[in-house]
Amino acid sequence: MRLQKRQRQIFIVAAALTALSAILYCSWPLGFVFNPKAMREGLASELGAFGQPYNWVFIWGDIVSGVLLVAAVVLLIRVYRVTGWARLALLFLAIYGTCGALDAALPMHCLPSEQVCGPVLHDPMLILHGGIDFIGSTALIGTLIAAAVFVHRHNRGWRSWIYIIGVGGTLFAIASGYFYIWGGPGYWAQRYYITLSCIWVASIPFVLRPRRAILVKS
């Protein structure tokens, strides 16, 4: 009984860290207060660009978000004997959090929405940002796929939720990419995608929670 109580307490801490991480990462609504111009014309990632007003709010918010997410993953892996697809999903989640922190720690020096960045291949920082974003996005997709396999085998009650997140995220990602390339309000599609991603991240501890989790003795 004492082990189960301890287990529940640590799970609550890990779930709270994950939720707080998601809230910090979904900081774009603060742009309406700190940087209205960027909110009208740019992508959410531009709020933390070099030289933007109050960019430190968004930079440190994303960095702390990544640190909290990695800490939550460590707690969940150490406390519960999750293996296979559940463990893989948590490892992908840690990679996603790390990429988010790294991306924020290396703020852009130009604004793509103003088309003043020049050729992408001639800007190492943009290439680095693109690489980090690609790895982070791939890791996030990895959490969804690994979680889908896990719940199909162990906890089918979450299947509908995963389908909703998967379909919604795909539509917003496609819309964001389309508007970014051919013009249009792509920034709103990106913001919706970020919001949906954060909702998914906050739900992962519950989706992957084993029905009979066993506390790992340190």
Protein backbone atom coordinates (compact mmCIF):
# COMPACT_ATOMS: atom_id res chain seq x y z
CA MET A 1 0.00 0.00 0.00
CA ARG A 2 2.81 2.42 0.87
CA LEU A 3 4.53 1.63 -2.42
CA GLN A 4 1.32 2.29 -4.34
CA LYS A 5 0.83 5.61 -2.55
CA ARG A 6 4.41 6.61 -3.30
CA GLN A 7 3.91 5.56 -6.89
CA ARG A 8 0.81 7.70 -7.28
CA GLN A 9 2.57 10.71 -5.76
CA ILE A 10 5.50 10.49 -8.15
CA PHE A 11 3.14 9.99 -11.08
CA ILE A 12 1.29 13.16 -10.09
CA VAL A 13 4.59 15.07 -9.97
CA ALA A 14 5.61 13.76 -13.40
CA ALA A 15 2.21 14.55 -14.90
CA ALA A 16 2.31 18.05 -13.37
CA LEU A 17 5.79 18.68 -14.80
CA THR A 18 4.59 17.55 -18.22
CA ALA A 19 1.52 19.79 -18.06
CA LEU A 20 3.59 22.78 -16.92
CA SER A 21 6.05 22.11 -19.73
CA ALA A 22 3.21 22.12 -22.25
CA ILE A 23 1.80 25.40 -20.88
CA LEU A 24 5.20 27.12 -21.06
CA TYR A 25 5.83 25.92 -24.60
CA CYS A 26 2.41 27.14 -25.74
CA SER A 27 3.36 30.73 -24.94
CA TRP A 28 2.38 32.32 -28.25
CA PRO A 29 -0.79 34.04 -26.84
CA LEU A 30 1.57 36.23 -24.77
CA GLY A 31 2.70 37.71 -28.07
CA PHE A 32 -0.51 39.72 -28.23
CA VAL A 33 0.79 41.60 -25.17
CA PHE A 34 4.56 41.65 -25.69
CA ASN A 35 4.88 41.73 -29.49
CA PRO A 36 1.61 42.49 -31.33
CA LYS A 37 3.38 43.19 -34.63
CA ALA A 38 4.91 39.72 -34.79
CA MET A 39 1.57 38.19 -33.87
CA ARG A 40 -0.10 39.95 -36.79
CA GLU A 41 2.49 39.08 -39.39
CA GLY A 42 4.86 36.34 -38.25
CA LEU A 43 5.26 32.80 -37.04
CA ALA A 44 5.26 31.90 -33.37
CA SER A 45 8.96 31.05 -33.52
CA GLU A 46 9.74 34.65 -34.46
CA LEU A 47 8.63 35.86 -31.02
CA GLY A 48 11.95 34.63 -29.66
CA ALA A 49 14.07 35.95 -32.53
CA PHE A 50 17.08 38.14 -31.85
CA GLY A 51 16.14 41.78 -31.31
CA GLN A 52 12.42 41.16 -30.82
CA PRO A 53 10.79 42.87 -27.82
CA TYR A 54 10.58 40.66 -24.73
CA ASN A 55 12.09 37.77 -26.68
CA TRP A 56 13.60 36.47 -23.42
CA VAL A 57 10.09 35.57 -22.22
CA PHE A 58 9.64 33.11 -25.08
CA ILE A 59 13.25 31.94 -25.11
CA TRP A 60 13.37 31.05 -21.43
CA GLY A 61 9.84 29.71 -21.50
CA ASP A 62 10.83 27.16 -24.15
CA ILE A 63 14.12 26.31 -22.44
CA VAL A 64 12.45 25.67 -19.07
CA SER A 65 9.71 23.75 -20.87
CA GLY A 66 12.27 21.38 -22.40
CA VAL A 67 14.06 20.85 -19.08
CA LEU A 68 10.79 20.07 -17.28
CA LEU A 69 9.75 17.64 -19.99
CA VAL A 70 13.02 15.71 -19.80
CA ALA A 71 12.73 15.61 -15.98
CA ALA A 72 9.20 14.23 -16.28
CA VAL A 73 10.36 11.52 -18.67
CA VAL A 74 13.15 10.49 -16.27
CA LEU A 75 10.61 10.21 -13.44
CA LEU A 76 8.18 8.15 -15.48
CA ILE A 77 10.86 5.76 -16.73
CA ARG A 78 12.48 5.33 -13.31
CA VAL A 79 9.26 4.94 -11.37
CA TYR A 80 7.40 2.63 -13.74
CA ARG A 81 8.75 -0.43 -15.47
CA VAL A 82 7.54 0.66 -18.86
CA THR A 83 9.10 -1.25 -21.72
CA GLY A 84 8.70 -1.61 -25.43
CA TRP A 85 6.53 0.95 -27.17
CA ALA A 86 5.70 2.93 -24.03
CA ARG A 87 9.37 3.38 -23.22
CA LEU A 88 10.08 4.32 -26.84
CA ALA A 89 7.34 6.95 -26.73
CA LEU A 90 8.86 8.48 -23.59
CA LEU A 91 12.33 8.54 -25.15
CA PHE A 92 10.89 10.33 -28.18
CA LEU A 93 9.24 12.76 -25.78
CA ALA A 94 12.60 13.52 -24.16
CA ILE A 95 14.13 14.16 -27.59
CA TYR A 96 11.25 16.49 -28.42
CA GLY A 97 11.77 18.45 -25.21
CA THR A 98 15.53 18.67 -25.79
CA CYS A 99 15.03 19.98 -29.32
CA GLY A 100 12.58 22.60 -28.10
CA ALA A 101 15.09 23.86 -25.54
CA LEU A 102 17.97 23.89 -28.04
CA ASP A 103 15.90 25.71 -30.63
CA ALA A 104 15.04 28.43 -28.12
CA ALA A 105 18.62 28.71 -26.87
CA LEU A 106 19.76 29.57 -30.42
CA PRO A 107 17.41 32.42 -31.40
CA MET A 108 17.07 33.37 -35.04
CA HIS A 109 18.77 36.57 -36.24
CA CYS A 110 16.21 37.30 -38.95
CA LEU A 111 12.47 37.09 -39.54
CA PRO A 112 11.30 34.74 -42.31
CA SER A 113 7.93 36.54 -42.44
CA GLU A 114 9.71 39.73 -43.53
CA GLN A 115 11.77 37.82 -46.12
CA VAL A 116 15.03 39.36 -44.95
CA CYS A 117 16.86 36.14 -44.19
CA GLY A 118 18.38 35.64 -47.62
CA PRO A 119 19.06 32.20 -49.12
CA VAL A 120 18.56 29.48 -46.54
CA LEU A 121 21.59 27.51 -47.69
CA HIS A 122 23.81 30.54 -46.99
CA ASP A 123 22.62 30.94 -43.40
CA PRO A 124 24.05 28.28 -41.04
CA MET A 125 21.72 29.39 -38.23
CA LEU A 126 18.60 28.84 -40.32
CA ILE A 127 19.92 25.45 -41.39
CA LEU A 128 20.58 24.56 -37.75
CA HIS A 129 17.11 25.70 -36.72
CA GLY A 130 15.58 23.74 -39.55
CA GLY A 131 17.47 20.61 -38.53
CA ILE A 132 16.50 20.92 -34.87
CA ASP A 133 12.86 21.59 -35.79
CA PHE A 134 12.83 18.57 -38.10
CA ILE A 135 14.24 16.27 -35.42
CA GLY A 136 11.82 17.63 -32.82
CA SER A 137 8.81 17.25 -35.13
CA THR A 138 9.87 13.73 -36.07
CA ALA A 139 10.24 12.84 -32.39
CA LEU A 140 6.77 14.20 -31.66
CA ILE A 141 5.32 12.08 -34.45
CA GLY A 142 7.28 9.18 -32.97
CA THR A 143 5.52 9.64 -29.62
CA LEU A 144 2.17 9.43 -31.39
CA ILE A 145 3.02 6.30 -33.35
CA ALA A 146 4.61 4.51 -30.39
CA ALA A 147 1.71 5.48 -28.12
CA ALA A 148 -0.78 4.26 -30.75
CA VAL A 149 0.83 0.82 -30.80
CA PHE A 150 0.96 0.74 -27.00
CA VAL A 151 -2.70 1.62 -26.44
CA HIS A 152 -3.80 -0.81 -29.16
CA ARG A 153 -2.17 -3.60 -27.18
CA HIS A 154 -2.72 -2.48 -23.60
CA ASN A 155 -5.20 0.38 -23.20
CA ARG A 156 -7.63 0.72 -26.09
CA GLY A 157 -9.67 3.37 -24.34
CA TRP A 158 -7.20 6.00 -25.59
CA ARG A 159 -7.37 5.04 -29.27
CA SER A 160 -9.99 7.66 -30.19
CA TRP A 161 -7.93 10.38 -28.50
CA ILE A 162 -4.84 9.42 -30.48
CA TYR A 163 -6.83 9.44 -33.73
CA ILE A 164 -8.14 12.95 -32.97
CA ILE A 165 -4.65 14.26 -32.19
CA GLY A 166 -3.13 12.56 -35.21
CA VAL A 167 -5.70 13.80 -37.72
CA GLY A 168 -5.81 17.32 -36.25
CA GLY A 169 -2.03 17.64 -36.12
CA THR A 170 -1.67 16.43 -39.69
CA LEU A 171 -4.23 18.91 -41.03
CA PHE A 172 -2.68 21.86 -39.20
CA ALA A 173 0.84 20.88 -40.25
CA ILE A 174 -0.20 20.62 -43.91
CA ALA A 175 -2.06 23.94 -43.75
CA SER A 176 0.89 25.64 -42.07
CA GLY A 177 3.32 24.38 -44.71
CA TYR A 178 0.98 25.32 -47.56
CA PHE A 179 0.44 28.87 -46.37
CA TYR A 180 4.13 29.32 -45.58
CA ILE A 181 5.15 28.36 -49.13
CA TRP A 182 2.33 29.90 -51.17
CA GLY A 183 1.29 32.74 -48.89
CA GLY A 184 -1.62 33.21 -46.55
CA PRO A 185 -2.34 33.08 -42.80
CA GLY A 186 0.07 30.25 -42.15
CA TYR A 187 0.95 31.66 -38.76
CA TRP A 188 -2.50 30.79 -37.44
CA ALA A 189 -2.25 27.21 -38.68
CA GLN A 190 1.15 26.96 -36.99
CA ARG A 191 -0.23 28.32 -33.72
CA TYR A 192 -3.06 25.82 -33.76
CA TYR A 193 -0.55 23.05 -34.47
CA ILE A 194 1.60 24.13 -31.51
CA THR A 195 -1.45 24.24 -29.25
CA LEU A 196 -2.61 20.78 -30.31
CA SER A 197 0.93 19.43 -29.83
CA CYS A 198 1.04 20.83 -26.30
CA ILE A 199 -2.32 19.26 -25.46
CA TRP A 200 -0.99 15.94 -26.71
CA VAL A 201 2.22 16.25 -24.71
CA ALA A 202 0.27 16.98 -21.52
CA SER A 203 -1.83 13.85 -22.03
CA ILE A 204 1.04 11.43 -22.69
CA PRO A 205 1.67 10.41 -19.03
CA PHE A 206 -1.97 9.31 -18.77
CA VAL A 207 -2.00 7.59 -22.16
CA LEU A 208 1.10 5.55 -21.32
CA ARG A 209 0.34 4.88 -17.66
CA PRO A 210 0.41 1.13 -17.07
CA ARG A 211 -2.75 -0.28 -15.53
CA ARG A 212 -0.71 -2.02 -12.88
CA ALA A 213 2.42 0.07 -12.59
CA ILE A 214 5.15 -1.31 -10.34
CA LEU A 215 7.45 1.02 -8.49
CA VAL A 216 11.09 0.52 -9.34
CA LYS A 217 13.20 0.37 -6.22
CA SER A 218 16.27 2.56 -6.45
